[in-house]
Every structure is written in C-alpha cells, then in structure tokens.
Amino acid sequence: MTDSTGSNAKKTFPQLVKQWVPVALLIMAFVAFFASGLYEMLTLDELARRYGDLDAFIEHNFWGAVLGAIAIYILVTAASLPAATLLSIAIGLMFGWALGATIIVIGATLGASILFLVARSLLRDFFSKKAGDKLNIMAAGFRDDAVSYMLFLRLAAIFPFFVVNFVPAILGVRFFTFFWTTAIGIIPGTIAYAFAGEGLRSIVGDRAVACARNIAPCGQPLAPGDIITTEMLIAFILLALVSLMPVILKKIRKKVR
C-alpha cells in the first residue's frame, strides 16, 4: 500500500492526467455505446431499414463516410465493445470487401494500439508487482520471439481480440512490433468478414425495399438459409484457411531450419 501511494506521489499532475484521461474516455465511450442504443443498430434487419439512407450518404459524402467508419471502428476496438464482428460485416456491406477490409484494418490497428498504450501505462507495473518473477519469465519468452507469437495470435484468433491487445503490453512487447504484426496478422480474417458483408448486399437490398414499403420480410428474423450466399460460403472457407495458417507457417519454419 505504501509503495503504491509513494509511486503515485512521485507523479506530477500532468503525468496523472496523461495516464488516466485515456481510461476515462474509454469508459465513457463504452457507456455511451450502450446508453445511446447504437448496439441495437448492428443487426441485419436494422441495416436493411437504413441501407438506402446509408448508401445515399456514402455516395454524397464518400470521404466523410470512410473517415467516419474508421473512427467508429477505432472507438469500438479501443473500448473493447462487443460489436466488432457485426461492424466488420456492416462495413463490408456498405463499402465492398476491398475498401471495407482497408477501413477495418486501419481502424482495428489504431484502436488496438490505443488499448495497448493504455494497458502498458496502467497495468504493466501492477501485474509486475503481483506476478513478480513469473511474469518476468513469461515476458522474456514472449520478447524472444515476439513477432512469431503476435502473428500466431492474430492469425489463429484463439483468444478474444481485446485480450491480445493488452497482454503483449503487460509482457513488454515493443509498440512497433505490436503495431505491424497486428496490421498484417488481421488482414486475412478481415478480408473474410468484409467479403461476407458484401455477400449480404442482395439480401439486405431486398429487405430495404420491403422495409420502404413496410411489407414482409421486413421485421422478420433471418433464417440460417437466408444468409447462405456464394460470397458467404467463400468467406467461411477463408476463415477456415486463416485458422490453419499458424499450423502451416509452423511447418514451413521447421523445414527452413
């Protein structure tokens, strides 16, 4: 208790502000996301209702829409909001798979970087004190081959995205290594989700027309068979291949050695 108080006492007010303001902003973003009801918009039926308006907005405000989508994705990722998958599909739907994937990669990488920096600033000392030598051993092993670890975690997606954003910060991974491995490692999965979103255009377009006329199937839940399009099947295959990539890379590395 004394150590903690002494540590904080040594910090100047500007340093404390720099340390805690990002955390406060992330908490506010998290609360605002649910309080505003934005999470309710990330459904296929709600997208269908708003598809025409969103499409028209993008057509007349293209770069504003692109920058807005990137900003929203940064917010969702940095605050670890439970909406990234549906948001990825929605962006692929509205912008197409190529531009959509670019938007997602930029937004996700920047958002993950913000969370990484916050975690490194606030949590690293705390966990170092709690875990002691054990954390130092883990950190040393991680740093010795940080690139392989990071690419494996990003490609395999075994752990939740937000976990892979702050754990490397605690283990002392360099920011530049974290940044570029995140940007590269999420590309395959991102393309798959964006491609899946583009594949829903025909379905959402039909629903948008139905919603404009206030007739069925507007408001009716989607059956599993409704979303099985050629693009969706390709997206599922891509995701399966992405999950196998770490295994393939491991075998290639063994042969090279």
Protein backbone atom coordinates (compact mmCIF):
# COMPACT_ATOMS: atom_id res chain seq x y z
CA MET A 1 0.00 0.00 0.00
CA THR A 2 2.84 2.31 0.90
CA ASP A 3 4.66 1.52 -2.36
CA SER A 4 1.59 2.27 -4.41
CA THR A 5 0.98 5.58 -2.63
CA GLY A 6 4.62 6.54 -2.90
CA SER A 7 4.65 5.70 -6.59
CA ASN A 8 1.63 7.91 -7.26
CA ALA A 9 3.07 10.71 -5.09
CA LYS A 10 6.11 10.93 -7.32
CA LYS A 11 3.99 11.59 -10.38
CA THR A 12 3.12 15.14 -11.34
CA PHE A 13 -0.44 16.20 -12.08
CA PRO A 14 0.13 16.33 -15.87
CA GLN A 15 1.53 12.78 -15.73
CA LEU A 16 -1.52 11.53 -13.83
CA VAL A 17 -3.82 13.27 -16.32
CA LYS A 18 -1.93 11.71 -19.22
CA GLN A 19 -2.24 8.32 -17.55
CA TRP A 20 -5.91 8.36 -16.58
CA VAL A 21 -7.67 10.54 -19.16
CA PRO A 22 -7.48 7.84 -21.89
CA VAL A 23 -9.02 5.34 -19.47
CA ALA A 24 -11.82 7.74 -18.58
CA LEU A 25 -12.51 8.35 -22.27
CA LEU A 26 -12.67 4.61 -22.98
CA ILE A 27 -15.10 4.08 -20.10
CA MET A 28 -17.26 6.97 -21.33
CA ALA A 29 -17.24 5.52 -24.85
CA PHE A 30 -18.30 2.12 -23.52
CA VAL A 31 -21.18 3.61 -21.52
CA ALA A 32 -22.25 5.88 -24.40
CA PHE A 33 -22.31 2.94 -26.83
CA PHE A 34 -24.98 1.15 -24.80
CA ALA A 35 -26.80 4.20 -23.45
CA SER A 36 -27.28 5.64 -26.96
CA GLY A 37 -28.72 2.40 -28.32
CA LEU A 38 -26.10 2.19 -31.08
CA TYR A 39 -25.65 -1.53 -30.38
CA GLU A 40 -29.26 -2.08 -31.48
CA MET A 41 -28.41 -0.79 -34.96
CA LEU A 42 -25.91 -3.57 -35.62
CA THR A 43 -28.43 -6.11 -36.84
CA LEU A 44 -29.13 -7.14 -40.41
CA ASP A 45 -32.75 -6.02 -40.20
CA GLU A 46 -31.78 -2.60 -38.87
CA LEU A 47 -29.16 -2.29 -41.61
CA ALA A 48 -31.85 -3.16 -44.14
CA ARG A 49 -34.08 -0.40 -42.77
CA ARG A 50 -31.29 2.15 -43.06
CA TYR A 51 -29.50 0.74 -46.10
CA GLY A 52 -30.92 3.27 -48.56
CA ASP A 53 -30.09 6.25 -46.36
CA LEU A 54 -26.59 4.97 -45.60
CA ASP A 55 -25.89 4.21 -49.25
CA ALA A 56 -27.04 7.69 -50.28
CA PHE A 57 -24.91 9.29 -47.56
CA ILE A 58 -21.82 7.38 -48.69
CA GLU A 59 -22.45 8.36 -52.30
CA HIS A 60 -22.67 12.08 -51.46
CA ASN A 61 -20.12 12.16 -48.62
CA PHE A 62 -17.67 9.46 -49.63
CA TRP A 63 -14.53 10.51 -47.77
CA GLY A 64 -16.50 11.68 -44.76
CA ALA A 65 -18.18 8.27 -44.61
CA VAL A 66 -14.83 6.47 -44.93
CA LEU A 67 -13.22 8.55 -42.17
CA GLY A 68 -16.35 8.17 -40.03
CA ALA A 69 -16.27 4.38 -40.41
CA ILE A 70 -12.58 4.32 -39.44
CA ALA A 71 -13.30 6.50 -36.38
CA ILE A 72 -16.17 4.25 -35.27
CA TYR A 73 -14.00 1.16 -35.63
CA ILE A 74 -11.19 2.80 -33.64
CA LEU A 75 -13.70 3.56 -30.87
CA VAL A 76 -15.21 0.08 -30.86
CA THR A 77 -11.79 -1.59 -30.77
CA ALA A 78 -10.17 0.72 -28.22
CA ALA A 79 -13.14 0.43 -25.86
CA SER A 80 -13.38 -3.35 -26.48
CA LEU A 81 -17.06 -3.04 -27.34
CA PRO A 82 -18.81 -6.30 -28.30
CA ALA A 83 -19.64 -5.19 -31.82
CA ALA A 84 -16.52 -5.70 -33.95
CA THR A 85 -17.73 -8.73 -35.92
CA LEU A 86 -21.09 -7.24 -36.87
CA LEU A 87 -19.43 -3.89 -37.58
CA SER A 88 -16.93 -5.60 -39.90
CA ILE A 89 -19.76 -7.25 -41.80
CA ALA A 90 -21.68 -3.96 -41.95
CA ILE A 91 -18.64 -2.10 -43.33
CA GLY A 92 -18.11 -4.82 -45.94
CA LEU A 93 -21.79 -4.48 -46.85
CA MET A 94 -21.69 -0.71 -47.28
CA PHE A 95 -18.21 -0.25 -48.81
CA GLY A 96 -17.47 -3.56 -50.55
CA TRP A 97 -14.91 -6.11 -49.45
CA ALA A 98 -11.72 -4.38 -50.67
CA LEU A 99 -12.32 -0.87 -49.33
CA GLY A 100 -14.19 -2.31 -46.35
CA ALA A 101 -11.24 -4.51 -45.39
CA THR A 102 -8.90 -1.50 -45.68
CA ILE A 103 -11.13 0.56 -43.39
CA ILE A 104 -11.33 -2.27 -40.85
CA VAL A 105 -7.58 -2.93 -40.81
CA ILE A 106 -6.80 0.77 -40.27
CA GLY A 107 -9.47 1.22 -37.59
CA ALA A 108 -8.73 -2.04 -35.77
CA THR A 109 -4.95 -1.47 -35.77
CA LEU A 110 -5.24 2.09 -34.44
CA GLY A 111 -7.87 1.11 -31.87
CA ALA A 112 -5.80 -1.86 -30.70
CA SER A 113 -2.75 0.40 -30.44
CA ILE A 114 -4.63 2.82 -28.18
CA LEU A 115 -5.63 -0.03 -25.86
CA PHE A 116 -2.06 -1.36 -25.93
CA LEU A 117 -0.64 2.01 -24.86
CA VAL A 118 -3.24 2.42 -22.11
CA ALA A 119 -2.53 -1.08 -20.80
CA ARG A 120 1.22 -0.51 -20.89
CA SER A 121 0.81 2.73 -18.97
CA LEU A 122 -1.59 1.47 -16.29
CA LEU A 123 -1.36 -2.29 -15.95
CA ARG A 124 2.26 -3.27 -16.53
CA ASP A 125 3.56 -2.10 -13.13
CA PHE A 126 0.55 -3.59 -11.35
CA PHE A 127 0.99 -7.05 -12.86
CA SER A 128 4.76 -6.89 -12.43
CA LYS A 129 4.30 -6.42 -8.68
CA LYS A 130 1.66 -9.15 -8.43
CA ALA A 131 3.32 -11.79 -10.60
CA GLY A 132 6.94 -10.95 -9.90
CA ASP A 133 9.48 -13.37 -11.37
CA LYS A 134 6.80 -15.45 -13.10
CA LEU A 135 5.78 -12.51 -15.24
CA ASN A 136 9.42 -11.72 -15.99
CA ILE A 137 9.97 -15.29 -17.24
CA MET A 138 6.85 -15.10 -19.44
CA ALA A 139 7.84 -11.68 -20.72
CA ALA A 140 11.35 -12.85 -21.61
CA GLY A 141 9.98 -15.82 -23.57
CA PHE A 142 7.46 -13.63 -25.37
CA ARG A 143 10.00 -10.96 -26.25
CA ASP A 144 12.49 -13.50 -27.60
CA ASP A 145 10.10 -14.38 -30.40
CA ALA A 146 7.50 -11.62 -30.20
CA VAL A 147 6.88 -11.48 -33.95
CA SER A 148 6.01 -15.19 -34.19
CA TYR A 149 3.85 -15.04 -31.08
CA MET A 150 1.96 -11.96 -32.27
CA LEU A 151 1.37 -13.25 -35.80
CA PHE A 152 0.20 -16.60 -34.42
CA LEU A 153 -2.24 -14.95 -32.01
CA ARG A 154 -3.61 -12.63 -34.68
CA LEU A 155 -3.95 -15.29 -37.37
CA ALA A 156 -5.34 -18.05 -35.19
CA ALA A 157 -7.71 -15.78 -33.23
CA ILE A 158 -7.71 -18.30 -30.37
CA PHE A 159 -8.15 -15.55 -27.78
CA PRO A 160 -10.53 -12.57 -27.88
CA PHE A 161 -9.14 -9.63 -29.84
CA PHE A 162 -9.04 -7.30 -26.82
CA VAL A 163 -7.00 -9.83 -24.80
CA VAL A 164 -4.30 -9.89 -27.48
CA ASN A 165 -4.31 -6.09 -27.35
CA PHE A 166 -3.35 -5.68 -23.71
CA VAL A 167 -1.45 -8.85 -22.77
CA PRO A 168 1.56 -8.02 -25.03
CA ALA A 169 1.68 -4.58 -23.36
CA ILE A 170 1.96 -6.23 -19.96
CA LEU A 171 4.66 -8.59 -21.23
CA GLY A 172 6.77 -5.74 -22.57
CA VAL A 173 6.38 -6.23 -26.33
CA ARG A 174 7.71 -3.23 -28.27
CA PHE A 175 4.99 -0.97 -29.64
CA PHE A 176 6.31 -1.05 -33.22
CA THR A 177 6.33 -4.87 -33.20
CA PHE A 178 2.79 -4.92 -31.82
CA PHE A 179 1.62 -2.38 -34.39
CA TRP A 180 2.87 -4.02 -37.57
CA THR A 181 2.12 -7.60 -36.56
CA THR A 182 -1.43 -6.53 -35.71
CA ALA A 183 -1.89 -4.76 -39.04
CA ILE A 184 -0.54 -7.74 -41.03
CA GLY A 185 -1.98 -10.50 -38.88
CA ILE A 186 -5.61 -9.36 -39.03
CA ILE A 187 -5.71 -8.93 -42.83
CA PRO A 188 -6.84 -12.49 -43.77
CA GLY A 189 -9.67 -12.64 -41.23
CA THR A 190 -10.69 -9.07 -42.03
CA ILE A 191 -11.00 -9.85 -45.74
CA ALA A 192 -13.19 -12.85 -44.91
CA TYR A 193 -15.61 -10.79 -42.78
CA ALA A 194 -15.71 -7.91 -45.28
CA PHE A 195 -16.33 -10.37 -48.10
CA ALA A 196 -19.17 -11.90 -46.07
CA GLY A 197 -20.65 -8.43 -45.67
CA GLU A 198 -20.53 -7.73 -49.38
CA GLY A 199 -22.23 -11.07 -49.95
CA LEU A 200 -25.25 -9.85 -47.98
CA ARG A 201 -25.95 -6.94 -50.34
CA SER A 202 -28.63 -8.75 -52.31
CA ILE A 203 -30.39 -9.89 -49.13
CA VAL A 204 -30.20 -6.52 -47.39
CA GLY A 205 -31.14 -4.72 -50.61
CA ASP A 206 -34.32 -6.80 -50.94
CA ARG A 207 -35.16 -6.17 -47.30
CA ALA A 208 -34.52 -2.46 -47.72
CA VAL A 209 -37.13 -2.35 -50.47
CA ALA A 210 -39.55 -4.35 -48.29
CA CYS A 211 -38.96 -2.03 -45.33
CA ALA A 212 -39.53 1.03 -47.51
CA ARG A 213 -42.92 -0.45 -48.42
CA ASN A 214 -43.47 -1.73 -44.87
CA ILE A 215 -44.13 -5.26 -46.08
CA ALA A 216 -42.67 -8.70 -45.35
CA PRO A 217 -39.95 -9.83 -44.89
CA CYS A 218 -39.14 -6.52 -43.15
CA GLY A 219 -39.04 -7.11 -39.42
CA GLN A 220 -38.89 -10.88 -39.73
CA PRO A 221 -35.82 -12.66 -38.34
CA LEU A 222 -33.41 -14.11 -40.86
CA ALA A 223 -33.40 -17.87 -41.17
CA PRO A 224 -29.99 -19.57 -41.47
CA GLY A 225 -30.74 -20.44 -45.09
CA ASP A 226 -31.35 -16.78 -45.93
CA ILE A 227 -27.70 -15.81 -45.48
CA ILE A 228 -26.09 -18.74 -47.31
CA THR A 229 -24.86 -16.98 -50.44
CA THR A 230 -21.87 -17.84 -52.61
CA GLU A 231 -19.93 -14.99 -51.03
CA MET A 232 -20.79 -16.21 -47.52
CA LEU A 233 -19.59 -19.72 -48.33
CA ILE A 234 -16.33 -18.30 -49.69
CA ALA A 235 -15.98 -16.20 -46.51
CA PHE A 236 -16.43 -19.30 -44.32
CA ILE A 237 -13.78 -21.12 -46.37
CA LEU A 238 -11.41 -18.15 -45.99
CA LEU A 239 -11.93 -18.13 -42.22
CA ALA A 240 -11.19 -21.85 -42.07
CA LEU A 241 -7.98 -21.31 -44.05
CA VAL A 242 -7.00 -18.44 -41.75
CA SER A 243 -7.36 -20.71 -38.72
CA LEU A 244 -4.96 -23.20 -40.36
CA MET A 245 -2.33 -20.63 -41.30
CA PRO A 246 -0.38 -20.76 -38.00
CA VAL A 247 -0.03 -24.54 -38.36
CA ILE A 248 1.14 -24.16 -41.96
CA LEU A 249 3.62 -21.42 -41.03
CA LYS A 250 4.99 -23.55 -38.19
CA LYS A 251 5.66 -26.44 -40.56
CA ILE A 252 7.31 -24.13 -43.09
CA ARG A 253 9.60 -22.71 -40.41
CA LYS A 254 10.64 -26.20 -39.32
CA LYS A 255 11.56 -27.12 -42.90
CA VAL A 256 13.56 -23.90 -43.31
CA ARG A 257 15.52 -24.63 -40.14
